[in-house]
């Protein structure tokens, strides 16, 4: 095992990952979604296995490909449904008025309705976890259980700095142009694993492909500037505080899964969310990363499956 988080040079990446996976054997689908905030656009998603549906939602700068190492074991129990967010992976890049977290949370609910999987269990990683948390607060019926894997959600100082930076005229456009110059290298440099030898040109191509287009690079900068807006996170935190202070549990059973080491989202975010959501267990992944489902899939699956296997409770409050 190489030292943790030591980068591998892009020019030395293998064509294919050293650990095989079934991602390209999963079934590919295209759904045209009529969205309140994003208009009519095409959504790419994959499915694998049979059984009750389980939604997997990826984070910033990745795609459904991120879940490649847990597809097979999850598909032994579930019909795994793995979409690409707007402007990510193979989904269309709509030129929407807003890429805000509230707009994207509504998009998540619209998608589960369109796919006929309302009330499914869900696993969200990073930004995908944050959007799923917000979707549950907006619409109780969207999911029955949720696993949040190292999401952001706390308005930290560096997010305020990012907001100030991206508000400077020309910064977003300049960043989009820079990313487009070599999108595969950008993706390689900015997705961090504890074991960087898991990376490959295949992965860099999957994550870099949308960043190589004008629309995809622009969508990426909008995720940075709008979806991760700390003012929206402040509203999110205040909602959780009001619920906690009123003695109201989170609307559905929730598992918080965080790594002790993460160069992308500080582990203290998991501690803060745990304090805001009493009753939601916080499980620490030792020797893993922000992408526990890539770095340590076996260790990731153990608490996830134990949580999902628990008997379902009836909804805790009426749908709004």
C-alpha atoms as a PDB file:
ATOM      1  CA  UNK A   1       0.000   0.000   0.000  1.00  0.00           C
ATOM      2  CA  UNK A   2       1.487   3.399  -0.982  1.00  0.00           C
ATOM      3  CA  UNK A   3       1.587   6.291   1.532  1.00  0.00           C
ATOM      4  CA  UNK A   4      -1.853   7.903   1.991  1.00  0.00           C
ATOM      5  CA  UNK A   5      -2.943  10.554  -0.527  1.00  0.00           C
ATOM      6  CA  UNK A   6       0.367  10.589  -2.413  1.00  0.00           C
ATOM      7  CA  UNK A   7      -0.479  11.613  -6.005  1.00  0.00           C
ATOM      8  CA  UNK A   8       0.385   9.448  -8.972  1.00  0.00           C
ATOM      9  CA  UNK A   9       1.681  11.332 -12.015  1.00  0.00           C
ATOM     10  CA  UNK A  10      -0.910  11.618 -14.750  1.00  0.00           C
ATOM     11  CA  UNK A  11       1.557  10.413 -17.381  1.00  0.00           C
ATOM     12  CA  UNK A  12       2.084   7.179 -15.447  1.00  0.00           C
ATOM     13  CA  UNK A  13      -1.604   6.290 -15.122  1.00  0.00           C
ATOM     14  CA  UNK A  14      -2.622   2.898 -16.524  1.00  0.00           C
ATOM     15  CA  UNK A  15      -5.213   2.787 -19.267  1.00  0.00           C
ATOM     16  CA  UNK A  16      -7.550   0.661 -17.136  1.00  0.00           C
ATOM     17  CA  UNK A  17      -7.902   0.594 -13.331  1.00  0.00           C
ATOM     18  CA  UNK A  18      -5.893  -2.039 -11.505  1.00  0.00           C
ATOM     19  CA  UNK A  19      -9.073  -3.184  -9.692  1.00  0.00           C
ATOM     20  CA  UNK A  20     -11.740  -4.398 -12.158  1.00  0.00           C
ATOM     21  CA  UNK A  21     -15.358  -3.290 -11.882  1.00  0.00           C
ATOM     22  CA  UNK A  22     -18.736  -3.921 -13.612  1.00  0.00           C
ATOM     23  CA  UNK A  23     -19.713  -0.305 -14.351  1.00  0.00           C
ATOM     24  CA  UNK A  24     -19.793  -0.708 -18.124  1.00  0.00           C
ATOM     25  CA  UNK A  25     -21.766  -3.927 -17.771  1.00  0.00           C
ATOM     26  CA  UNK A  26     -24.584  -2.049 -16.015  1.00  0.00           C
ATOM     27  CA  UNK A  27     -27.601  -1.116 -18.114  1.00  0.00           C
ATOM     28  CA  UNK A  28     -27.543   2.403 -19.573  1.00  0.00           C
ATOM     29  CA  UNK A  29     -30.701   4.503 -19.769  1.00  0.00           C
ATOM     30  CA  UNK A  30     -31.701   7.956 -21.003  1.00  0.00           C
ATOM     31  CA  UNK A  31     -34.699   9.781 -19.520  1.00  0.00           C
ATOM     32  CA  UNK A  32     -36.019  13.141 -20.644  1.00  0.00           C
ATOM     33  CA  UNK A  33     -36.927  15.074 -17.518  1.00  0.00           C
ATOM     34  CA  UNK A  34     -39.235  18.077 -17.447  1.00  0.00           C
ATOM     35  CA  UNK A  35     -37.872  20.020 -14.497  1.00  0.00           C
ATOM     36  CA  UNK A  36     -39.233  23.106 -12.806  1.00  0.00           C
ATOM     37  CA  UNK A  37     -35.769  24.626 -12.449  1.00  0.00           C
ATOM     38  CA  UNK A  38     -33.775  22.982 -15.252  1.00  0.00           C
ATOM     39  CA  UNK A  39     -36.346  22.746 -18.021  1.00  0.00           C
ATOM     40  CA  UNK A  40     -36.573  19.829 -20.412  1.00  0.00           C
ATOM     41  CA  UNK A  41     -33.286  17.939 -20.559  1.00  0.00           C
ATOM     42  CA  UNK A  42     -31.808  14.469 -20.945  1.00  0.00           C
ATOM     43  CA  UNK A  43     -30.636  12.530 -17.877  1.00  0.00           C
ATOM     44  CA  UNK A  44     -28.279   9.575 -18.182  1.00  0.00           C
ATOM     45  CA  UNK A  45     -28.536   6.853 -15.556  1.00  0.00           C
ATOM     46  CA  UNK A  46     -27.382   3.293 -15.018  1.00  0.00           C
ATOM     47  CA  UNK A  47     -29.119   0.348 -13.377  1.00  0.00           C
ATOM     48  CA  UNK A  48     -27.804  -2.954 -12.081  1.00  0.00           C
ATOM     49  CA  UNK A  49     -29.372  -5.897 -10.307  1.00  0.00           C
ATOM     50  CA  UNK A  50     -32.932  -6.557  -9.198  1.00  0.00           C
ATOM     51  CA  UNK A  51     -35.005  -6.069  -6.084  1.00  0.00           C
ATOM     52  CA  UNK A  52     -36.176  -2.891  -4.349  1.00  0.00           C
ATOM     53  CA  UNK A  53     -34.711   0.286  -5.860  1.00  0.00           C
ATOM     54  CA  UNK A  54     -31.698   1.966  -4.290  1.00  0.00           C
ATOM     55  CA  UNK A  55     -30.593   5.391  -5.548  1.00  0.00           C
ATOM     56  CA  UNK A  56     -26.881   6.259  -5.555  1.00  0.00           C
ATOM     57  CA  UNK A  57     -26.080   9.949  -6.075  1.00  0.00           C
ATOM     58  CA  UNK A  58     -22.536  11.112  -6.820  1.00  0.00           C
ATOM     59  CA  UNK A  59     -20.780  14.342  -5.890  1.00  0.00           C
ATOM     60  CA  UNK A  60     -19.017  17.270  -7.514  1.00  0.00           C
ATOM     61  CA  UNK A  61     -16.765  16.586 -10.523  1.00  0.00           C
ATOM     62  CA  UNK A  62     -17.539  12.855 -10.534  1.00  0.00           C
ATOM     63  CA  UNK A  63     -20.404  10.841 -12.029  1.00  0.00           C
ATOM     64  CA  UNK A  64     -22.268   7.556 -11.656  1.00  0.00           C
ATOM     65  CA  UNK A  65     -18.906   5.917 -12.431  1.00  0.00           C
ATOM     66  CA  UNK A  66     -17.872   6.811  -8.860  1.00  0.00           C
ATOM     67  CA  UNK A  67     -19.923   3.873  -7.509  1.00  0.00           C
ATOM     68  CA  UNK A  68     -18.267   1.258  -9.745  1.00  0.00           C
ATOM     69  CA  UNK A  69     -16.825  -0.817  -6.885  1.00  0.00           C
ATOM     70  CA  UNK A  70     -20.055  -1.201  -4.926  1.00  0.00           C
ATOM     71  CA  UNK A  71     -22.445  -1.883  -7.824  1.00  0.00           C
ATOM     72  CA  UNK A  72     -22.068  -5.657  -7.740  1.00  0.00           C
ATOM     73  CA  UNK A  73     -22.544  -6.267  -3.999  1.00  0.00           C
ATOM     74  CA  UNK A  74     -25.420  -3.776  -3.786  1.00  0.00           C
ATOM     75  CA  UNK A  75     -27.029  -5.264  -6.899  1.00  0.00           C
ATOM     76  CA  UNK A  76     -27.182  -8.627  -5.117  1.00  0.00           C
ATOM     77  CA  UNK A  77     -29.946  -7.118  -2.929  1.00  0.00           C
ATOM     78  CA  UNK A  78     -31.266  -4.094  -4.831  1.00  0.00           C
ATOM     79  CA  UNK A  79     -31.999  -2.695  -8.230  1.00  0.00           C
ATOM     80  CA  UNK A  80     -29.324  -0.029  -8.074  1.00  0.00           C
ATOM     81  CA  UNK A  81     -30.232   3.217  -9.875  1.00  0.00           C
ATOM     82  CA  UNK A  82     -27.288   5.562 -10.478  1.00  0.00           C
ATOM     83  CA  UNK A  83     -27.917   8.865 -12.308  1.00  0.00           C
ATOM     84  CA  UNK A  84     -25.538  11.524 -13.550  1.00  0.00           C
ATOM     85  CA  UNK A  85     -26.395  14.976 -12.200  1.00  0.00           C
ATOM     86  CA  UNK A  86     -27.079  17.756 -14.751  1.00  0.00           C
ATOM     87  CA  UNK A  87     -23.889  18.646 -16.567  1.00  0.00           C
ATOM     88  CA  UNK A  88     -22.047  15.604 -15.189  1.00  0.00           C
ATOM     89  CA  UNK A  89     -21.129  12.290 -16.758  1.00  0.00           C
ATOM     90  CA  UNK A  90     -23.329  11.680 -19.781  1.00  0.00           C
ATOM     91  CA  UNK A  91     -26.278  13.849 -18.708  1.00  0.00           C
ATOM     92  CA  UNK A  92     -27.177  16.987 -20.611  1.00  0.00           C
ATOM     93  CA  UNK A  93     -25.939  20.393 -19.375  1.00  0.00           C
ATOM     94  CA  UNK A  94     -29.049  22.571 -19.130  1.00  0.00           C
ATOM     95  CA  UNK A  95     -28.515  26.339 -19.112  1.00  0.00           C
ATOM     96  CA  UNK A  96     -30.770  26.750 -16.080  1.00  0.00           C
ATOM     97  CA  UNK A  97     -31.449  30.004 -14.199  1.00  0.00           C
ATOM     98  CA  UNK A  98     -29.973  28.485 -11.036  1.00  0.00           C
ATOM     99  CA  UNK A  99     -27.758  25.597  -9.983  1.00  0.00           C
ATOM    100  CA  UNK A 100     -28.524  26.311  -6.338  1.00  0.00           C
ATOM    101  CA  UNK A 101     -28.763  23.538  -3.771  1.00  0.00           C
ATOM    102  CA  UNK A 102     -32.543  24.091  -3.319  1.00  0.00           C
ATOM    103  CA  UNK A 103     -33.045  23.826  -7.110  1.00  0.00           C
ATOM    104  CA  UNK A 104     -30.970  20.650  -7.361  1.00  0.00           C
ATOM    105  CA  UNK A 105     -32.706  19.092  -4.347  1.00  0.00           C
ATOM    106  CA  UNK A 106     -35.994  19.628  -6.170  1.00  0.00           C
ATOM    107  CA  UNK A 107     -34.369  18.041  -9.251  1.00  0.00           C
ATOM    108  CA  UNK A 108     -33.543  14.930  -7.199  1.00  0.00           C
ATOM    109  CA  UNK A 109     -37.199  14.582  -6.163  1.00  0.00           C
ATOM    110  CA  UNK A 110     -38.355  15.159  -9.752  1.00  0.00           C
ATOM    111  CA  UNK A 111     -36.018  12.420 -10.937  1.00  0.00           C
ATOM    112  CA  UNK A 112     -37.150   9.767  -8.439  1.00  0.00           C
ATOM    113  CA  UNK A 113     -40.740  10.588  -9.412  1.00  0.00           C
ATOM    114  CA  UNK A 114     -39.941  10.323 -13.133  1.00  0.00           C
ATOM    115  CA  UNK A 115     -38.171   6.981 -12.627  1.00  0.00           C
ATOM    116  CA  UNK A 116     -41.018   5.614 -10.503  1.00  0.00           C
ATOM    117  CA  UNK A 117     -38.819   4.957  -7.456  1.00  0.00           C
ATOM    118  CA  UNK A 118     -40.329   7.398  -4.939  1.00  0.00           C
ATOM    119  CA  UNK A 119     -39.768   6.151  -1.412  1.00  0.00           C
ATOM    120  CA  UNK A 120     -36.611   4.210  -2.250  1.00  0.00           C
ATOM    121  CA  UNK A 121     -33.530   4.006  -0.051  1.00  0.00           C
ATOM    122  CA  UNK A 122     -30.689   6.307  -1.093  1.00  0.00           C
ATOM    123  CA  UNK A 123     -26.932   6.751  -0.701  1.00  0.00           C
ATOM    124  CA  UNK A 124     -25.449  10.154  -1.473  1.00  0.00           C
ATOM    125  CA  UNK A 125     -21.739  10.928  -1.608  1.00  0.00           C
ATOM    126  CA  UNK A 126     -20.313  14.403  -1.028  1.00  0.00           C
ATOM    127  CA  UNK A 127     -22.457  17.025  -2.793  1.00  0.00           C
ATOM    128  CA  UNK A 128     -24.891  14.238  -3.679  1.00  0.00           C
ATOM    129  CA  UNK A 129     -25.358  13.525   0.026  1.00  0.00           C
ATOM    130  CA  UNK A 130     -25.984  17.199   0.742  1.00  0.00           C
ATOM    131  CA  UNK A 131     -28.631  17.331  -2.006  1.00  0.00           C
ATOM    132  CA  UNK A 132     -30.311  14.184  -0.675  1.00  0.00           C
ATOM    133  CA  UNK A 133     -30.426  15.641   2.844  1.00  0.00           C
ATOM    134  CA  UNK A 134     -32.139  18.735   1.484  1.00  0.00           C
ATOM    135  CA  UNK A 135     -34.497  16.640  -0.662  1.00  0.00           C
ATOM    136  CA  UNK A 136     -35.673  14.718   2.419  1.00  0.00           C
ATOM    137  CA  UNK A 137     -36.356  17.957   4.296  1.00  0.00           C
ATOM    138  CA  UNK A 138     -38.328  19.275   1.309  1.00  0.00           C
ATOM    139  CA  UNK A 139     -40.295  16.089   0.590  1.00  0.00           C
ATOM    140  CA  UNK A 140     -40.609  13.312   3.147  1.00  0.00           C
ATOM    141  CA  UNK A 141     -41.853  10.823   0.584  1.00  0.00           C
ATOM    142  CA  UNK A 142     -38.777  11.016  -1.639  1.00  0.00           C
ATOM    143  CA  UNK A 143     -36.735   8.436   0.310  1.00  0.00           C
ATOM    144  CA  UNK A 144     -37.336   5.899   3.060  1.00  0.00           C
ATOM    145  CA  UNK A 145     -33.739   5.744   4.334  1.00  0.00           C
ATOM    146  CA  UNK A 146     -30.637   7.788   3.584  1.00  0.00           C
ATOM    147  CA  UNK A 147     -26.903   7.162   3.896  1.00  0.00           C
ATOM    148  CA  UNK A 148     -24.912  10.395   3.746  1.00  0.00           C
ATOM    149  CA  UNK A 149     -21.287   9.741   2.791  1.00  0.00           C
ATOM    150  CA  UNK A 150     -19.017  12.639   3.696  1.00  0.00           C
ATOM    151  CA  UNK A 151     -21.202  15.464   2.455  1.00  0.00           C
ATOM    152  CA  UNK A 152     -20.607  19.168   2.961  1.00  0.00           C
ATOM    153  CA  UNK A 153     -23.415  21.275   4.437  1.00  0.00           C
ATOM    154  CA  UNK A 154     -21.752  23.537   7.011  1.00  0.00           C
ATOM    155  CA  UNK A 155     -20.946  27.122   5.850  1.00  0.00           C
ATOM    156  CA  UNK A 156     -17.224  27.089   6.571  1.00  0.00           C
ATOM    157  CA  UNK A 157     -14.786  29.932   5.972  1.00  0.00           C
ATOM    158  CA  UNK A 158     -13.284  28.430   2.828  1.00  0.00           C
ATOM    159  CA  UNK A 159     -16.736  28.248   1.238  1.00  0.00           C
ATOM    160  CA  UNK A 160     -17.273  31.934   1.975  1.00  0.00           C
ATOM    161  CA  UNK A 161     -13.876  32.607   0.369  1.00  0.00           C
ATOM    162  CA  UNK A 162     -14.924  30.565  -2.666  1.00  0.00           C
ATOM    163  CA  UNK A 163     -18.145  32.565  -2.906  1.00  0.00           C
ATOM    164  CA  UNK A 164     -16.241  35.865  -2.850  1.00  0.00           C
ATOM    165  CA  UNK A 165     -13.744  34.620  -5.440  1.00  0.00           C
ATOM    166  CA  UNK A 166     -16.349  33.306  -7.877  1.00  0.00           C
ATOM    167  CA  UNK A 167     -18.321  36.554  -7.604  1.00  0.00           C
ATOM    168  CA  UNK A 168     -15.400  38.526  -9.114  1.00  0.00           C
ATOM    169  CA  UNK A 169     -16.243  39.353 -12.743  1.00  0.00           C
ATOM    170  CA  UNK A 170     -14.506  37.016 -15.159  1.00  0.00           C
ATOM    171  CA  UNK A 171     -13.340  34.462 -12.591  1.00  0.00           C
ATOM    172  CA  UNK A 172     -15.892  31.785 -13.466  1.00  0.00           C
ATOM    173  CA  UNK A 173     -15.365  32.195 -17.201  1.00  0.00           C
ATOM    174  CA  UNK A 174     -11.594  32.101 -16.740  1.00  0.00           C
ATOM    175  CA  UNK A 175     -11.797  28.965 -14.607  1.00  0.00           C
ATOM    176  CA  UNK A 176     -14.019  27.271 -17.171  1.00  0.00           C
ATOM    177  CA  UNK A 177     -11.511  28.047 -19.926  1.00  0.00           C
ATOM    178  CA  UNK A 178      -8.631  26.758 -17.788  1.00  0.00           C
ATOM    179  CA  UNK A 179     -10.435  23.507 -16.960  1.00  0.00           C
ATOM    180  CA  UNK A 180     -11.222  22.930 -20.649  1.00  0.00           C
ATOM    181  CA  UNK A 181      -7.544  23.129 -21.597  1.00  0.00           C
ATOM    182  CA  UNK A 182      -6.868  19.665 -20.168  1.00  0.00           C
ATOM    183  CA  UNK A 183      -9.995  18.314 -18.433  1.00  0.00           C
ATOM    184  CA  UNK A 184      -8.612  14.836 -17.809  1.00  0.00           C
ATOM    185  CA  UNK A 185      -5.603  16.202 -15.907  1.00  0.00           C
ATOM    186  CA  UNK A 186      -7.868  18.580 -13.974  1.00  0.00           C
ATOM    187  CA  UNK A 187     -10.111  15.695 -12.882  1.00  0.00           C
ATOM    188  CA  UNK A 188      -7.063  13.609 -11.979  1.00  0.00           C
ATOM    189  CA  UNK A 189      -5.576  16.377  -9.801  1.00  0.00           C
ATOM    190  CA  UNK A 190      -8.786  17.282  -8.001  1.00  0.00           C
ATOM    191  CA  UNK A 191     -10.280  13.891  -7.075  1.00  0.00           C
ATOM    192  CA  UNK A 192      -8.346  12.550  -4.084  1.00  0.00           C
ATOM    193  CA  UNK A 193      -8.064   8.930  -2.902  1.00  0.00           C
ATOM    194  CA  UNK A 194      -6.157   7.552   0.031  1.00  0.00           C
ATOM    195  CA  UNK A 195      -4.760   5.025  -2.464  1.00  0.00           C
ATOM    196  CA  UNK A 196      -4.041   7.068  -5.574  1.00  0.00           C
ATOM    197  CA  UNK A 197      -2.986   3.939  -7.486  1.00  0.00           C
ATOM    198  CA  UNK A 198      -6.704   3.249  -7.912  1.00  0.00           C
ATOM    199  CA  UNK A 199      -6.765   5.970 -10.581  1.00  0.00           C
ATOM    200  CA  UNK A 200      -6.607   5.317 -14.305  1.00  0.00           C
ATOM    201  CA  UNK A 201      -6.954   7.048 -17.654  1.00  0.00           C
ATOM    202  CA  UNK A 202     -10.379   5.443 -17.851  1.00  0.00           C
ATOM    203  CA  UNK A 203     -11.472   7.339 -14.732  1.00  0.00           C
ATOM    204  CA  UNK A 204      -9.871  10.595 -15.871  1.00  0.00           C
ATOM    205  CA  UNK A 205     -11.747  10.241 -19.147  1.00  0.00           C
ATOM    206  CA  UNK A 206     -15.082   9.603 -17.462  1.00  0.00           C
ATOM    207  CA  UNK A 207     -14.769  12.614 -15.158  1.00  0.00           C
ATOM    208  CA  UNK A 208     -13.025  14.850 -17.658  1.00  0.00           C
ATOM    209  CA  UNK A 209     -15.350  14.332 -20.638  1.00  0.00           C
ATOM    210  CA  UNK A 210     -18.073  16.806 -19.586  1.00  0.00           C
ATOM    211  CA  UNK A 211     -15.429  19.318 -18.425  1.00  0.00           C
ATOM    212  CA  UNK A 212     -14.029  19.347 -21.955  1.00  0.00           C
ATOM    213  CA  UNK A 213     -17.165  21.008 -23.330  1.00  0.00           C
ATOM    214  CA  UNK A 214     -18.108  24.659 -22.897  1.00  0.00           C
ATOM    215  CA  UNK A 215     -21.446  23.731 -21.324  1.00  0.00           C
ATOM    216  CA  UNK A 216     -19.920  21.142 -18.993  1.00  0.00           C
ATOM    217  CA  UNK A 217     -17.116  23.413 -17.791  1.00  0.00           C
ATOM    218  CA  UNK A 218     -19.650  26.181 -17.202  1.00  0.00           C
ATOM    219  CA  UNK A 219     -21.877  23.785 -15.226  1.00  0.00           C
ATOM    220  CA  UNK A 220     -18.880  22.833 -13.076  1.00  0.00           C
ATOM    221  CA  UNK A 221     -18.184  26.465 -12.172  1.00  0.00           C
ATOM    222  CA  UNK A 222     -21.871  26.918 -11.363  1.00  0.00           C
ATOM    223  CA  UNK A 223     -21.773  23.966  -8.978  1.00  0.00           C
ATOM    224  CA  UNK A 224     -18.801  25.600  -7.237  1.00  0.00           C
ATOM    225  CA  UNK A 225     -20.381  29.046  -7.059  1.00  0.00           C
ATOM    226  CA  UNK A 226     -24.080  28.222  -6.631  1.00  0.00           C
ATOM    227  CA  UNK A 227     -24.619  24.708  -5.271  1.00  0.00           C
ATOM    228  CA  UNK A 228     -21.950  25.154  -2.597  1.00  0.00           C
ATOM    229  CA  UNK A 229     -23.158  28.645  -1.688  1.00  0.00           C
ATOM    230  CA  UNK A 230     -22.588  28.965   2.088  1.00  0.00           C
ATOM    231  CA  UNK A 231     -25.636  31.219   2.481  1.00  0.00           C
ATOM    232  CA  UNK A 232     -27.852  28.313   1.385  1.00  0.00           C
ATOM    233  CA  UNK A 233     -25.928  26.051   3.743  1.00  0.00           C
ATOM    234  CA  UNK A 234     -26.663  28.531   6.516  1.00  0.00           C
ATOM    235  CA  UNK A 235     -30.376  28.176   5.797  1.00  0.00           C
ATOM    236  CA  UNK A 236     -29.950  24.401   5.826  1.00  0.00           C
ATOM    237  CA  UNK A 237     -28.199  24.504   9.208  1.00  0.00           C
ATOM    238  CA  UNK A 238     -30.875  26.776  10.680  1.00  0.00           C
ATOM    239  CA  UNK A 239     -33.575  24.345   9.526  1.00  0.00           C
ATOM    240  CA  UNK A 240     -31.781  21.497  11.292  1.00  0.00           C
ATOM    241  CA  UNK A 241     -31.302  23.621  14.414  1.00  0.00           C
ATOM    242  CA  UNK A 242     -35.020  24.462  14.572  1.00  0.00           C
ATOM    243  CA  UNK A 243     -35.936  20.802  14.228  1.00  0.00           C
ATOM    244  CA  UNK A 244     -33.431  19.722  16.859  1.00  0.00           C
ATOM    245  CA  UNK A 245     -34.461  22.425  19.317  1.00  0.00           C
ATOM    246  CA  UNK A 246     -38.129  21.492  18.849  1.00  0.00           C
ATOM    247  CA  UNK A 247     -37.333  17.824  19.547  1.00  0.00           C
ATOM    248  CA  UNK A 248     -38.162  16.762  15.982  1.00  0.00           C
ATOM    249  CA  UNK A 249     -36.177  13.860  14.586  1.00  0.00           C
ATOM    250  CA  UNK A 250     -34.839  13.851  11.039  1.00  0.00           C
ATOM    251  CA  UNK A 251     -37.747  12.847   8.760  1.00  0.00           C
ATOM    252  CA  UNK A 252     -36.277   9.447   7.775  1.00  0.00           C
ATOM    253  CA  UNK A 253     -33.651   7.114   9.259  1.00  0.00           C
ATOM    254  CA  UNK A 254     -30.234   8.586   8.480  1.00  0.00           C
ATOM    255  CA  UNK A 255     -26.679   7.221   8.656  1.00  0.00           C
ATOM    256  CA  UNK A 256     -23.724   9.629   8.565  1.00  0.00           C
ATOM    257  CA  UNK A 257     -20.582   7.988   7.183  1.00  0.00           C
ATOM    258  CA  UNK A 258     -17.339   9.978   7.343  1.00  0.00           C
ATOM    259  CA  UNK A 259     -13.629   9.308   7.037  1.00  0.00           C
ATOM    260  CA  UNK A 260     -11.097  10.508   9.597  1.00  0.00           C
ATOM    261  CA  UNK A 261      -8.936  11.826   6.748  1.00  0.00           C
ATOM    262  CA  UNK A 262     -10.360  13.803   3.848  1.00  0.00           C
ATOM    263  CA  UNK A 263      -8.641  16.577   1.876  1.00  0.00           C
ATOM    264  CA  UNK A 264     -11.954  17.552   0.249  1.00  0.00           C
ATOM    265  CA  UNK A 265     -14.489  17.945   3.099  1.00  0.00           C
ATOM    266  CA  UNK A 266     -13.075  18.288   6.649  1.00  0.00           C
ATOM    267  CA  UNK A 267     -14.172  15.475   9.004  1.00  0.00           C
ATOM    268  CA  UNK A 268     -15.406  18.140  11.445  1.00  0.00           C
ATOM    269  CA  UNK A 269     -18.366  18.615   9.099  1.00  0.00           C
ATOM    270  CA  UNK A 270     -19.542  15.126  10.044  1.00  0.00           C
ATOM    271  CA  UNK A 271     -19.258  16.004  13.714  1.00  0.00           C
ATOM    272  CA  UNK A 272     -21.249  19.212  13.176  1.00  0.00           C
ATOM    273  CA  UNK A 273     -24.027  17.409  11.300  1.00  0.00           C
ATOM    274  CA  UNK A 274     -24.141  14.728  13.975  1.00  0.00           C
ATOM    275  CA  UNK A 275     -24.694  17.420  16.607  1.00  0.00           C
ATOM    276  CA  UNK A 276     -27.453  18.970  14.470  1.00  0.00           C
ATOM    277  CA  UNK A 277     -29.258  15.662  13.836  1.00  0.00           C
ATOM    278  CA  UNK A 278     -29.626  13.740  17.125  1.00  0.00           C
ATOM    279  CA  UNK A 279     -30.377  10.087  16.614  1.00  0.00           C
ATOM    280  CA  UNK A 280     -28.467   9.797  13.329  1.00  0.00           C
ATOM    281  CA  UNK A 281     -25.496   7.485  13.953  1.00  0.00           C
ATOM    282  CA  UNK A 282     -22.103   8.806  12.858  1.00  0.00           C
ATOM    283  CA  UNK A 283     -19.801   6.026  11.672  1.00  0.00           C
ATOM    284  CA  UNK A 284     -16.124   6.797  11.101  1.00  0.00           C
ATOM    285  CA  UNK A 285     -14.318   5.049   8.266  1.00  0.00           C
ATOM    286  CA  UNK A 286     -10.759   4.332   9.366  1.00  0.00           C
ATOM    287  CA  UNK A 287      -8.019   4.195   6.742  1.00  0.00           C
ATOM    288  CA  UNK A 288     -10.321   5.496   4.027  1.00  0.00           C
ATOM    289  CA  UNK A 289     -11.175   8.772   2.273  1.00  0.00           C
ATOM    290  CA  UNK A 290     -13.890  11.067   0.998  1.00  0.00           C
ATOM    291  CA  UNK A 291     -14.623   8.289  -1.502  1.00  0.00           C
ATOM    292  CA  UNK A 292     -14.908   5.393   0.929  1.00  0.00           C
ATOM    293  CA  UNK A 293     -16.874   3.421  -1.673  1.00  0.00           C
ATOM    294  CA  UNK A 294     -13.767   3.543  -3.910  1.00  0.00           C
ATOM    295  CA  UNK A 295     -10.905   3.313  -1.411  1.00  0.00           C
ATOM    296  CA  UNK A 296     -12.427   0.773   0.990  1.00  0.00           C
ATOM    297  CA  UNK A 297     -15.596  -0.680  -0.578  1.00  0.00           C
ATOM    298  CA  UNK A 298     -15.780  -3.722   1.715  1.00  0.00           C
ATOM    299  CA  UNK A 299     -15.488  -1.612   4.869  1.00  0.00           C
ATOM    300  CA  UNK A 300     -17.952   0.876   3.394  1.00  0.00           C
ATOM    301  CA  UNK A 301     -20.568  -1.782   2.692  1.00  0.00           C
ATOM    302  CA  UNK A 302     -20.553  -3.293   6.175  1.00  0.00           C
ATOM    303  CA  UNK A 303     -22.240  -0.375   8.022  1.00  0.00           C
ATOM    304  CA  UNK A 304     -24.280   0.618   4.973  1.00  0.00           C
ATOM    305  CA  UNK A 305     -25.918  -2.778   4.530  1.00  0.00           C
ATOM    306  CA  UNK A 306     -26.456  -3.166   8.276  1.00  0.00           C
ATOM    307  CA  UNK A 307     -28.276   0.165   8.264  1.00  0.00           C
ATOM    308  CA  UNK A 308     -30.345  -0.550   5.146  1.00  0.00           C
ATOM    309  CA  UNK A 309     -31.307  -3.996   6.475  1.00  0.00           C
ATOM    310  CA  UNK A 310     -33.050  -2.531   9.520  1.00  0.00           C
ATOM    311  CA  UNK A 311     -36.867  -2.732   9.498  1.00  0.00           C
ATOM    312  CA  UNK A 312     -38.502   0.325   7.969  1.00  0.00           C
ATOM    313  CA  UNK A 313     -40.447   2.666  10.205  1.00  0.00           C
ATOM    314  CA  UNK A 314     -43.573   4.509   9.077  1.00  0.00           C
ATOM    315  CA  UNK A 315     -43.067   8.163   8.037  1.00  0.00           C
ATOM    316  CA  UNK A 316     -42.449  10.358  11.058  1.00  0.00           C
ATOM    317  CA  UNK A 317     -44.424  13.358   9.853  1.00  0.00           C
ATOM    318  CA  UNK A 318     -46.848  14.085   7.011  1.00  0.00           C
ATOM    319  CA  UNK A 319     -45.565  14.983   3.567  1.00  0.00           C
ATOM    320  CA  UNK A 320     -45.519  18.720   3.042  1.00  0.00           C
END
